[in-house]
Amino acid sequence: MRRKGIIPGLLIVLSAGFMLLCAPARPCAADVRVGKPAPGFTFTDIEGTSAKLSDFRGKYVVIEWFNHECPFTGKHYKSDKMQNLQRTYTEAGVVWIAVNSTNDGNDNYKDTAMSAKEAEANGTSATYIVLDPSGEIGKLYGAKTTPHVFIVDPKGNVIYMGAADSINSTDTGDIAKAANYIDLALSEALAGKPVTTPETKPYGCSVKYKE
């Protein structure tokens, strides 16, 4: 199984040279842009393995925000499209980090055990599945919706940010008709080509951040 794990209450560590000013009542937020360095963070998975984004230098990294209670996320998973992409690209050496930033007071919240069972039932094949109930990673990246996707290149720069695909709907029938931006960006990048659509507007349910 390629899936690594889930952990609540992640410790976020900013990468060296990346400085943010944060007030106590306001979470840190990076100005995430295509072509600029992706914000660094550290996490520990359910198996006790610790890693940080910079550990994956030299590889492409997908950071996918999800919430299985959201019908927009459901479209991509019930169709098996997201899992197929995860399998295809992790086998090609891509690191896939699936993040759920639903806060622990929300009805959609799933704890570690529930999330593990859910991932198993869905056949999720992300390299890591991470619970972020504090919203620290989500707010660091400015993640707005589920799904919301960021792709980082081997140099640590963002090469894609936005929607999973081109049709804003919850209908699984639209999957085959849509342009899948994740697939397009990764296939182009792995072929040594520039990403032709580097940024799109994300759509889906709002991320259920802690107030």
C-alpha atoms as a PDB file:
ATOM      1  CA  MET A   1       0.000   0.000   0.000  1.00  0.00           C
ATOM      2  CA  ARG A   2       1.495   3.339  -1.042  1.00  0.00           C
ATOM      3  CA  ARG A   3      -0.609   5.350   1.377  1.00  0.00           C
ATOM      4  CA  LYS A   4       1.431   6.454   4.367  1.00  0.00           C
ATOM      5  CA  GLY A   5      -0.749   7.950   7.023  1.00  0.00           C
ATOM      6  CA  ILE A   6      -2.748  10.591   8.790  1.00  0.00           C
ATOM      7  CA  ILE A   7      -1.993  12.765  11.748  1.00  0.00           C
ATOM      8  CA  PRO A   8      -3.962  15.396  13.601  1.00  0.00           C
ATOM      9  CA  GLY A   9      -2.432  18.548  15.014  1.00  0.00           C
ATOM     10  CA  LEU A  10       0.503  18.869  12.662  1.00  0.00           C
ATOM     11  CA  LEU A  11       3.501  20.962  13.617  1.00  0.00           C
ATOM     12  CA  ILE A  12       4.196  23.394  10.816  1.00  0.00           C
ATOM     13  CA  VAL A  13       7.771  24.538  10.295  1.00  0.00           C
ATOM     14  CA  LEU A  14       8.626  27.187   7.731  1.00  0.00           C
ATOM     15  CA  SER A  15      11.516  26.362   5.449  1.00  0.00           C
ATOM     16  CA  ALA A  16      14.798  28.213   5.870  1.00  0.00           C
ATOM     17  CA  GLY A  17      14.804  31.620   4.295  1.00  0.00           C
ATOM     18  CA  PHE A  18      11.004  31.819   4.163  1.00  0.00           C
ATOM     19  CA  MET A  19       9.860  34.381   6.713  1.00  0.00           C
ATOM     20  CA  LEU A  20       6.276  35.279   7.573  1.00  0.00           C
ATOM     21  CA  LEU A  21       4.908  37.854   9.976  1.00  0.00           C
ATOM     22  CA  CYS A  22       1.932  36.578  11.960  1.00  0.00           C
ATOM     23  CA  ALA A  23      -0.251  38.124  14.622  1.00  0.00           C
ATOM     24  CA  PRO A  24      -1.567  35.831  17.397  1.00  0.00           C
ATOM     25  CA  ALA A  25      -5.157  36.170  16.200  1.00  0.00           C
ATOM     26  CA  ARG A  26      -4.266  35.794  12.524  1.00  0.00           C
ATOM     27  CA  PRO A  27      -2.812  32.573  11.063  1.00  0.00           C
ATOM     28  CA  CYS A  28       0.313  32.685   8.946  1.00  0.00           C
ATOM     29  CA  ALA A  29      -0.432  32.891   5.248  1.00  0.00           C
ATOM     30  CA  ALA A  30       2.045  32.686   2.403  1.00  0.00           C
ATOM     31  CA  ASP A  31       1.712  34.510  -0.873  1.00  0.00           C
ATOM     32  CA  VAL A  32       1.633  31.327  -2.933  1.00  0.00           C
ATOM     33  CA  ARG A  33       2.304  31.966  -6.614  1.00  0.00           C
ATOM     34  CA  VAL A  34       3.146  29.917  -9.663  1.00  0.00           C
ATOM     35  CA  GLY A  35       6.882  30.006 -10.291  1.00  0.00           C
ATOM     36  CA  LYS A  36       7.692  30.861  -6.675  1.00  0.00           C
ATOM     37  CA  PRO A  37       8.881  28.552  -3.856  1.00  0.00           C
ATOM     38  CA  ALA A  38       6.175  26.492  -2.181  1.00  0.00           C
ATOM     39  CA  PRO A  39       5.822  27.167   1.567  1.00  0.00           C
ATOM     40  CA  GLY A  40       7.645  24.586   3.664  1.00  0.00           C
ATOM     41  CA  PHE A  41       6.051  22.474   6.381  1.00  0.00           C
ATOM     42  CA  THR A  42       6.889  19.443   8.514  1.00  0.00           C
ATOM     43  CA  PHE A  43       4.565  16.549   9.344  1.00  0.00           C
ATOM     44  CA  THR A  44       4.572  13.140  10.993  1.00  0.00           C
ATOM     45  CA  ASP A  45       2.448  10.360   9.553  1.00  0.00           C
ATOM     46  CA  ILE A  46       0.388   7.705  11.303  1.00  0.00           C
ATOM     47  CA  GLU A  47       3.301   5.274  11.127  1.00  0.00           C
ATOM     48  CA  GLY A  48       5.518   7.724  12.989  1.00  0.00           C
ATOM     49  CA  THR A  49       7.508   8.807   9.937  1.00  0.00           C
ATOM     50  CA  SER A  50       8.481  12.461   9.994  1.00  0.00           C
ATOM     51  CA  ALA A  51       9.076  14.425   6.799  1.00  0.00           C
ATOM     52  CA  LYS A  52       9.177  17.941   5.471  1.00  0.00           C
ATOM     53  CA  LEU A  53       8.381  19.304   2.048  1.00  0.00           C
ATOM     54  CA  SER A  54      12.041  20.019   1.345  1.00  0.00           C
ATOM     55  CA  ASP A  55      12.797  16.299   1.787  1.00  0.00           C
ATOM     56  CA  PHE A  56      11.168  15.791  -1.587  1.00  0.00           C
ATOM     57  CA  ARG A  57      13.464  18.097  -3.552  1.00  0.00           C
ATOM     58  CA  GLY A  58      14.244  16.383  -6.811  1.00  0.00           C
ATOM     59  CA  LYS A  59      10.679  15.060  -7.106  1.00  0.00           C
ATOM     60  CA  TYR A  60       7.332  16.435  -8.157  1.00  0.00           C
ATOM     61  CA  VAL A  61       4.874  16.836  -5.293  1.00  0.00           C
ATOM     62  CA  VAL A  62       1.077  17.080  -5.443  1.00  0.00           C
ATOM     63  CA  ILE A  63      -0.677  18.660  -2.445  1.00  0.00           C
ATOM     64  CA  GLU A  64      -4.401  17.919  -2.659  1.00  0.00           C
ATOM     65  CA  TRP A  65      -7.024  19.308  -0.285  1.00  0.00           C
ATOM     66  CA  PHE A  66      -9.951  16.950   0.229  1.00  0.00           C
ATOM     67  CA  ASN A  67     -13.037  16.335   2.365  1.00  0.00           C
ATOM     68  CA  HIS A  68     -14.972  13.166   1.569  1.00  0.00           C
ATOM     69  CA  GLU A  69     -18.185  14.668   2.940  1.00  0.00           C
ATOM     70  CA  CYS A  70     -18.006  17.245   0.142  1.00  0.00           C
ATOM     71  CA  PRO A  71     -19.839  16.160  -3.055  1.00  0.00           C
ATOM     72  CA  PHE A  72     -17.222  17.885  -5.214  1.00  0.00           C
ATOM     73  CA  THR A  73     -14.515  15.724  -3.652  1.00  0.00           C
ATOM     74  CA  GLY A  74     -16.941  12.827  -4.016  1.00  0.00           C
ATOM     75  CA  LYS A  75     -17.138  13.328  -7.778  1.00  0.00           C
ATOM     76  CA  HIS A  76     -13.425  12.735  -8.157  1.00  0.00           C
ATOM     77  CA  TYR A  77     -13.287   9.757  -5.782  1.00  0.00           C
ATOM     78  CA  LYS A  78     -16.545   7.968  -6.614  1.00  0.00           C
ATOM     79  CA  SER A  79     -15.455   7.953 -10.247  1.00  0.00           C
ATOM     80  CA  ASP A  80     -12.029   6.590  -9.139  1.00  0.00           C
ATOM     81  CA  LYS A  81     -10.421   9.399 -11.136  1.00  0.00           C
ATOM     82  CA  MET A  82      -8.415  10.820  -8.242  1.00  0.00           C
ATOM     83  CA  GLN A  83      -7.239   7.393  -7.088  1.00  0.00           C
ATOM     84  CA  ASN A  84      -6.180   6.508 -10.651  1.00  0.00           C
ATOM     85  CA  LEU A  85      -4.140   9.700 -10.851  1.00  0.00           C
ATOM     86  CA  GLN A  86      -2.587   8.959  -7.465  1.00  0.00           C
ATOM     87  CA  ARG A  87      -1.630   5.440  -8.532  1.00  0.00           C
ATOM     88  CA  THR A  88      -0.332   6.491 -11.942  1.00  0.00           C
ATOM     89  CA  TYR A  89       1.836   9.343 -10.748  1.00  0.00           C
ATOM     90  CA  THR A  90       3.143   7.883  -7.493  1.00  0.00           C
ATOM     91  CA  GLU A  91       4.318   4.904  -9.551  1.00  0.00           C
ATOM     92  CA  ALA A  92       6.148   7.458 -11.703  1.00  0.00           C
ATOM     93  CA  GLY A  93       7.917   8.826  -8.607  1.00  0.00           C
ATOM     94  CA  VAL A  94       5.595  11.718  -7.734  1.00  0.00           C
ATOM     95  CA  VAL A  95       4.943  12.346  -4.025  1.00  0.00           C
ATOM     96  CA  TRP A  96       1.226  12.889  -3.322  1.00  0.00           C
ATOM     97  CA  ILE A  97       0.142  14.555  -0.079  1.00  0.00           C
ATOM     98  CA  ALA A  98      -3.616  14.574   0.537  1.00  0.00           C
ATOM     99  CA  VAL A  99      -4.611  17.090   3.227  1.00  0.00           C
ATOM    100  CA  ASN A 100      -7.898  17.403   5.105  1.00  0.00           C
ATOM    101  CA  SER A 101      -8.080  20.755   6.932  1.00  0.00           C
ATOM    102  CA  THR A 102     -11.562  20.196   8.382  1.00  0.00           C
ATOM    103  CA  ASN A 103     -11.565  21.446  11.972  1.00  0.00           C
ATOM    104  CA  ASP A 104     -12.346  19.005  14.771  1.00  0.00           C
ATOM    105  CA  GLY A 105     -15.535  20.837  15.765  1.00  0.00           C
ATOM    106  CA  ASN A 106     -17.163  20.429  12.361  1.00  0.00           C
ATOM    107  CA  ASP A 107     -19.647  17.664  11.538  1.00  0.00           C
ATOM    108  CA  ASN A 108     -17.434  16.669   8.585  1.00  0.00           C
ATOM    109  CA  TYR A 109     -14.419  16.042  10.807  1.00  0.00           C
ATOM    110  CA  LYS A 110     -12.935  12.535  10.813  1.00  0.00           C
ATOM    111  CA  ASP A 111     -10.352  11.457  13.351  1.00  0.00           C
ATOM    112  CA  THR A 112      -7.315   9.361  12.480  1.00  0.00           C
ATOM    113  CA  ALA A 113      -9.025   5.989  12.792  1.00  0.00           C
ATOM    114  CA  MET A 114     -12.093   7.074  10.818  1.00  0.00           C
ATOM    115  CA  SER A 115      -9.938   8.661   8.131  1.00  0.00           C
ATOM    116  CA  ALA A 116      -7.824   5.518   7.791  1.00  0.00           C
ATOM    117  CA  LYS A 117     -10.934   3.374   7.297  1.00  0.00           C
ATOM    118  CA  GLU A 118     -12.329   5.901   4.834  1.00  0.00           C
ATOM    119  CA  ALA A 119      -9.101   5.933   2.833  1.00  0.00           C
ATOM    120  CA  GLU A 120      -9.029   2.149   2.760  1.00  0.00           C
ATOM    121  CA  ALA A 121     -12.632   1.978   1.589  1.00  0.00           C
ATOM    122  CA  ASN A 122     -11.977   4.548  -1.139  1.00  0.00           C
ATOM    123  CA  GLY A 123      -8.771   2.922  -2.318  1.00  0.00           C
ATOM    124  CA  THR A 124      -6.873   6.159  -1.778  1.00  0.00           C
ATOM    125  CA  SER A 125      -3.328   5.836  -3.093  1.00  0.00           C
ATOM    126  CA  ALA A 126      -1.791   9.108  -1.954  1.00  0.00           C
ATOM    127  CA  THR A 127       1.707   8.805  -0.525  1.00  0.00           C
ATOM    128  CA  TYR A 128       0.619  10.620   2.627  1.00  0.00           C
ATOM    129  CA  ILE A 129      -2.826  11.449   4.010  1.00  0.00           C
ATOM    130  CA  VAL A 130      -2.742  14.232   6.555  1.00  0.00           C
ATOM    131  CA  LEU A 131      -5.281  15.652   8.979  1.00  0.00           C
ATOM    132  CA  ASP A 132      -4.811  19.385   9.523  1.00  0.00           C
ATOM    133  CA  PRO A 133      -7.620  20.292  11.984  1.00  0.00           C
ATOM    134  CA  SER A 134      -5.802  23.449  13.094  1.00  0.00           C
ATOM    135  CA  GLY A 135      -5.865  24.614   9.473  1.00  0.00           C
ATOM    136  CA  GLU A 136      -2.199  25.597   9.604  1.00  0.00           C
ATOM    137  CA  ILE A 137      -1.191  23.952   6.339  1.00  0.00           C
ATOM    138  CA  GLY A 138      -4.386  24.966   4.595  1.00  0.00           C
ATOM    139  CA  LYS A 139      -4.093  28.607   5.605  1.00  0.00           C
ATOM    140  CA  LEU A 140      -0.388  28.620   4.806  1.00  0.00           C
ATOM    141  CA  TYR A 141      -1.274  27.672   1.230  1.00  0.00           C
ATOM    142  CA  GLY A 142      -4.484  29.650   1.072  1.00  0.00           C
ATOM    143  CA  ALA A 143      -6.460  26.489   0.254  1.00  0.00           C
ATOM    144  CA  LYS A 144     -10.041  27.566  -0.390  1.00  0.00           C
ATOM    145  CA  THR A 145     -11.978  24.545  -1.546  1.00  0.00           C
ATOM    146  CA  THR A 146     -12.146  20.775  -1.576  1.00  0.00           C
ATOM    147  CA  PRO A 147     -10.598  19.929  -3.866  1.00  0.00           C
ATOM    148  CA  HIS A 148      -7.836  22.515  -4.247  1.00  0.00           C
ATOM    149  CA  VAL A 149      -4.576  21.324  -5.755  1.00  0.00           C
ATOM    150  CA  PHE A 150      -0.984  22.578  -5.767  1.00  0.00           C
ATOM    151  CA  ILE A 151       1.857  20.951  -7.713  1.00  0.00           C
ATOM    152  CA  VAL A 152       5.485  21.564  -6.775  1.00  0.00           C
ATOM    153  CA  ASP A 153       8.418  20.867  -9.086  1.00  0.00           C
ATOM    154  CA  PRO A 154      11.757  19.229  -8.176  1.00  0.00           C
ATOM    155  CA  LYS A 155      13.272  22.657  -7.456  1.00  0.00           C
ATOM    156  CA  GLY A 156      10.551  23.367  -4.884  1.00  0.00           C
ATOM    157  CA  ASN A 157       8.579  25.851  -6.980  1.00  0.00           C
ATOM    158  CA  VAL A 158       4.823  25.850  -7.551  1.00  0.00           C
ATOM    159  CA  ILE A 159       4.012  24.934 -11.164  1.00  0.00           C
ATOM    160  CA  TYR A 160       0.245  24.514 -10.841  1.00  0.00           C
ATOM    161  CA  MET A 161      -2.434  25.723  -8.449  1.00  0.00           C
ATOM    162  CA  GLY A 162      -6.201  25.548  -8.711  1.00  0.00           C
ATOM    163  CA  ALA A 163      -9.035  23.187  -9.607  1.00  0.00           C
ATOM    164  CA  ALA A 164      -8.772  19.456 -10.228  1.00  0.00           C
ATOM    165  CA  ASP A 165     -10.575  19.756 -13.561  1.00  0.00           C
ATOM    166  CA  SER A 166     -12.435  22.113 -15.877  1.00  0.00           C
ATOM    167  CA  ILE A 167     -16.096  21.329 -15.105  1.00  0.00           C
ATOM    168  CA  ASN A 168     -17.546  22.834 -11.944  1.00  0.00           C
ATOM    169  CA  SER A 169     -20.038  20.166 -10.953  1.00  0.00           C
ATOM    170  CA  THR A 170     -20.679  17.227  -8.638  1.00  0.00           C
ATOM    171  CA  ASP A 171     -21.713  14.919 -11.490  1.00  0.00           C
ATOM    172  CA  THR A 172     -19.391  11.950 -12.014  1.00  0.00           C
ATOM    173  CA  GLY A 173     -20.582  11.908 -15.619  1.00  0.00           C
ATOM    174  CA  ASP A 174     -18.637  15.114 -16.206  1.00  0.00           C
ATOM    175  CA  ILE A 175     -15.294  13.510 -15.370  1.00  0.00           C
ATOM    176  CA  ALA A 176     -14.768  12.052 -18.830  1.00  0.00           C
ATOM    177  CA  LYS A 177     -15.732  15.334 -20.519  1.00  0.00           C
ATOM    178  CA  ALA A 178     -13.513  17.583 -18.409  1.00  0.00           C
ATOM    179  CA  ALA A 179      -9.907  18.598 -18.886  1.00  0.00           C
ATOM    180  CA  ASN A 180      -8.135  17.240 -15.815  1.00  0.00           C
ATOM    181  CA  TYR A 181      -5.654  19.932 -14.819  1.00  0.00           C
ATOM    182  CA  ILE A 182      -3.675  17.630 -12.497  1.00  0.00           C
ATOM    183  CA  ASP A 183      -3.110  15.077 -15.241  1.00  0.00           C
ATOM    184  CA  LEU A 184      -2.286  17.737 -17.818  1.00  0.00           C
ATOM    185  CA  ALA A 185       0.216  19.559 -15.591  1.00  0.00           C
ATOM    186  CA  LEU A 186       2.018  16.423 -14.439  1.00  0.00           C
ATOM    187  CA  SER A 187       2.165  14.814 -17.873  1.00  0.00           C
ATOM    188  CA  GLU A 188       3.614  17.986 -19.363  1.00  0.00           C
ATOM    189  CA  ALA A 189       6.074  18.537 -16.540  1.00  0.00           C
ATOM    190  CA  LEU A 190       7.311  14.946 -16.525  1.00  0.00           C
ATOM    191  CA  ALA A 191       7.842  15.199 -20.276  1.00  0.00           C
ATOM    192  CA  GLY A 192      10.040  18.263 -19.729  1.00  0.00           C
ATOM    193  CA  LYS A 193       7.482  20.671 -21.150  1.00  0.00           C
ATOM    194  CA  PRO A 194       6.128  23.876 -19.577  1.00  0.00           C
ATOM    195  CA  VAL A 195       2.713  23.609 -17.951  1.00  0.00           C
ATOM    196  CA  THR A 196       0.286  25.225 -20.391  1.00  0.00           C
ATOM    197  CA  THR A 197      -2.388  25.910 -17.758  1.00  0.00           C
ATOM    198  CA  PRO A 198      -0.467  26.785 -14.585  1.00  0.00           C
ATOM    199  CA  GLU A 199      -3.326  28.393 -12.643  1.00  0.00           C
ATOM    200  CA  THR A 200      -7.098  27.978 -12.530  1.00  0.00           C
ATOM    201  CA  LYS A 201      -9.874  29.004 -10.175  1.00  0.00           C
ATOM    202  CA  PRO A 202     -10.573  26.226  -7.649  1.00  0.00           C
ATOM    203  CA  TYR A 203     -14.149  25.057  -7.159  1.00  0.00           C
ATOM    204  CA  GLY A 204     -15.825  22.884  -4.548  1.00  0.00           C
ATOM    205  CA  CYS A 205     -16.955  23.084  -0.938  1.00  0.00           C
ATOM    206  CA  SER A 206     -15.271  25.658   1.270  1.00  0.00           C
ATOM    207  CA  VAL A 207     -12.510  24.298   3.500  1.00  0.00           C
ATOM    208  CA  LYS A 208     -14.011  23.902   6.981  1.00  0.00           C
ATOM    209  CA  TYR A 209     -11.452  25.915   8.923  1.00  0.00           C
ATOM    210  CA  LYS A 210     -11.588  26.514  12.640  1.00  0.00           C
ATOM    211  CA  GLU A 211     -13.098  29.962  13.313  1.00  0.00           C
END
